[in-house]
Amino acid sequence: MNEHISFEEMEQFLSAAAVTPQFLAQCAKIQKHLAACPQCARQYKAMLEVSRLPLEALAEEAAAQPEEQTR
């Protein structure tokens, strides 16, 4: 594949809500391209790290809060 993966295509891939046949086909295409294209692989890794930031922040916030005691 000579053409780079677009930002929009990577964003759709990272935010997929369901595993469909179309998603699986897109996954195979993207994985094959990432294995052969260091530029897209770097972009994908950066997008993946950014997409995880909100989850990490929520986990840190939850861990910092004292546990509620129930009686």
Protein backbone atom coordinates (compact mmCIF):
# COMPACT_ATOMS: atom_id res chain seq x y z
CA MET A 1 0.00 0.00 0.00
CA ASN A 2 1.56 3.26 -1.11
CA GLU A 3 -0.97 5.67 0.35
CA HIS A 4 -0.80 6.61 4.02
CA ILE A 5 -3.74 5.96 6.31
CA SER A 6 -5.67 9.17 6.87
CA PHE A 7 -6.15 10.67 10.31
CA GLU A 8 -9.90 10.21 9.92
CA GLU A 9 -9.53 6.52 9.05
CA MET A 10 -7.30 5.90 12.07
CA GLU A 11 -9.69 7.83 14.30
CA GLN A 12 -12.65 5.75 13.10
CA PHE A 13 -10.64 2.58 13.65
CA LEU A 14 -9.67 3.55 17.20
CA SER A 15 -13.21 4.58 18.13
CA ALA A 16 -15.09 1.66 16.61
CA ALA A 17 -18.05 0.71 18.78
CA ALA A 18 -18.75 -2.70 17.28
CA VAL A 19 -16.88 -5.56 15.64
CA THR A 20 -18.46 -5.93 12.23
CA PRO A 21 -17.20 -7.59 9.05
CA GLN A 22 -16.32 -4.11 7.76
CA PHE A 23 -14.36 -3.36 10.92
CA LEU A 24 -12.44 -6.64 10.63
CA ALA A 25 -11.57 -5.87 7.00
CA GLN A 26 -10.44 -2.37 7.98
CA CYS A 27 -8.42 -3.84 10.87
CA ALA A 28 -6.57 -6.23 8.55
CA LYS A 29 -5.86 -3.42 6.08
CA ILE A 30 -4.57 -1.05 8.76
CA GLN A 31 -2.44 -3.69 10.53
CA LYS A 32 -0.83 -4.69 7.23
CA HIS A 33 -0.07 -1.07 6.41
CA LEU A 34 1.28 -0.27 9.89
CA ALA A 35 3.70 -3.20 9.64
CA ALA A 36 5.16 -1.72 6.45
CA CYS A 37 4.93 2.04 7.12
CA PRO A 38 6.91 3.50 10.03
CA GLN A 39 5.33 6.94 9.57
CA CYS A 40 1.78 5.63 9.96
CA ALA A 41 2.87 3.31 12.78
CA ARG A 42 4.20 6.33 14.72
CA GLN A 43 0.99 8.27 14.09
CA TYR A 44 -1.13 5.29 15.18
CA LYS A 45 0.91 4.83 18.37
CA ALA A 46 0.57 8.53 19.22
CA MET A 47 -3.19 8.48 18.60
CA LEU A 48 -3.55 5.34 20.70
CA GLU A 49 -1.68 6.94 23.60
CA VAL A 50 -3.81 10.09 23.41
CA SER A 51 -7.02 8.06 23.28
CA ARG A 52 -6.06 6.36 26.54
CA LEU A 53 -5.42 9.60 28.46
CA PRO A 54 -9.01 10.19 29.61
CA LEU A 55 -9.27 6.61 30.91
CA GLU A 56 -5.99 6.91 32.78
CA ALA A 57 -7.06 10.23 34.32
CA LEU A 58 -10.34 8.71 35.50
CA ALA A 59 -8.53 5.71 36.97
CA GLU A 60 -6.08 7.97 38.82
CA GLU A 61 -8.93 10.10 40.14
CA ALA A 62 -10.84 7.05 41.34
CA ALA A 63 -7.76 5.65 43.05
CA ALA A 64 -7.13 8.96 44.83
CA GLN A 65 -10.62 9.11 46.33
CA PRO A 66 -11.12 7.37 49.68
CA GLU A 67 -13.38 4.35 49.58
CA GLU A 68 -16.89 4.93 50.86
CA GLN A 69 -17.76 2.95 53.93
CA THR A 70 -21.17 1.37 54.06
CA ARG A 71 -22.87 0.41 57.30
